[in-house]
Amino acid sequence: MLTLEMAIQKIQHFSPEQRNKVIEFIEFLEFQASQTKTIEQKKDDSNQEQSFFELAGIWEEKNITLDDIRKDAWGKENVRFVVM
């Protein structure tokens, strides 16, 4: 018999008040799990930010201009933007 099936059988013998407490506890565990996921996602996001800065300088010593990048991105030959 699965653990879940055993738990359901035991809960079925509880009073309504006890069942409500079990439900509240499960909701608490779900809340805790979602908080843990949020914290882990924030850690992952900060790791991605660090990885981004590790890439700084990869174009150093390469003959690539901003106009070349724009041309590749938009597919236009004479793309020129004035930066003010």
Protein backbone atom coordinates (compact mmCIF):
# COMPACT_ATOMS: atom_id res chain seq x y z
CA MET A 1 0.00 0.00 0.00
CA LEU A 2 1.29 3.44 -0.92
CA THR A 3 2.09 5.99 1.75
CA LEU A 4 -0.56 8.30 0.32
CA GLU A 5 -3.21 5.59 0.53
CA MET A 6 -2.25 4.89 4.14
CA ALA A 7 -2.47 8.59 4.99
CA ILE A 8 -5.91 8.89 3.37
CA GLN A 9 -7.21 5.87 5.31
CA LYS A 10 -5.99 7.34 8.59
CA ILE A 11 -7.40 10.80 7.82
CA GLN A 12 -10.80 9.31 7.03
CA HIS A 13 -11.05 8.18 10.67
CA PHE A 14 -10.34 11.67 12.02
CA SER A 15 -12.98 14.01 13.32
CA PRO A 16 -13.90 16.97 11.08
CA GLU A 17 -11.86 19.26 13.33
CA GLN A 18 -8.78 17.05 12.98
CA ARG A 19 -9.24 16.88 9.21
CA ASN A 20 -9.36 20.66 9.06
CA LYS A 21 -6.10 20.82 11.00
CA VAL A 22 -4.51 18.39 8.55
CA ILE A 23 -5.70 20.56 5.63
CA GLU A 24 -4.32 23.70 7.31
CA PHE A 25 -0.99 21.93 7.81
CA ILE A 26 -0.87 20.86 4.15
CA GLU A 27 -1.64 24.44 3.08
CA PHE A 28 1.18 25.64 5.34
CA LEU A 29 3.57 23.15 3.72
CA GLU A 30 2.50 24.31 0.25
CA PHE A 31 3.13 27.93 1.27
CA GLN A 32 6.56 27.04 2.62
CA ALA A 33 7.42 25.17 -0.58
CA SER A 34 6.41 28.15 -2.73
CA GLN A 35 8.54 30.47 -0.56
CA THR A 36 11.51 28.13 -0.97
CA LYS A 37 11.04 28.09 -4.75
CA THR A 38 10.95 31.89 -4.80
CA ILE A 39 14.19 32.09 -2.83
CA GLU A 40 15.85 29.54 -5.13
CA GLN A 41 14.69 31.46 -8.21
CA LYS A 42 16.20 34.67 -6.81
CA LYS A 43 19.49 32.82 -6.25
CA ASP A 44 19.38 31.49 -9.82
CA ASP A 45 18.68 35.00 -11.14
CA SER A 46 21.67 36.42 -9.26
CA ASN A 47 23.85 33.60 -10.64
CA GLN A 48 22.72 34.48 -14.16
CA GLU A 49 23.62 38.10 -13.54
CA GLN A 50 27.10 37.08 -12.43
CA SER A 51 27.49 34.89 -15.51
CA PHE A 52 26.54 37.85 -17.69
CA PHE A 53 29.37 39.94 -16.31
CA GLU A 54 31.81 37.06 -16.71
CA LEU A 55 31.24 37.44 -20.46
CA ALA A 56 32.42 41.05 -20.45
CA GLY A 57 35.22 41.50 -22.94
CA ILE A 58 34.47 38.54 -25.20
CA TRP A 59 34.42 40.90 -28.19
CA GLU A 60 37.70 42.49 -27.24
CA GLU A 61 40.23 42.41 -30.08
CA LYS A 62 37.50 41.49 -32.59
CA ASN A 63 36.80 43.75 -35.55
CA ILE A 64 33.04 44.21 -34.92
CA THR A 65 31.32 47.56 -34.86
CA LEU A 66 27.95 48.57 -33.51
CA ASP A 67 26.78 49.14 -37.10
CA ASP A 68 27.74 45.53 -37.97
CA ILE A 69 25.68 44.25 -35.06
CA ARG A 70 22.69 46.38 -36.04
CA LYS A 71 22.95 45.23 -39.65
CA ASP A 72 22.91 41.59 -38.56
CA ALA A 73 20.03 42.20 -36.17
CA TRP A 74 17.77 44.12 -38.55
CA GLY A 75 19.05 42.92 -41.90
CA LYS A 76 19.59 46.39 -43.32
CA GLU A 77 22.74 47.43 -45.13
CA ASN A 78 22.95 51.08 -44.16
CA VAL A 79 21.73 51.23 -40.60
CA ARG A 80 23.05 54.27 -38.84
CA PHE A 81 21.87 55.72 -35.56
CA VAL A 82 22.98 58.98 -34.10
CA VAL A 83 23.72 58.81 -30.39
CA MET A 84 23.19 62.12 -28.63
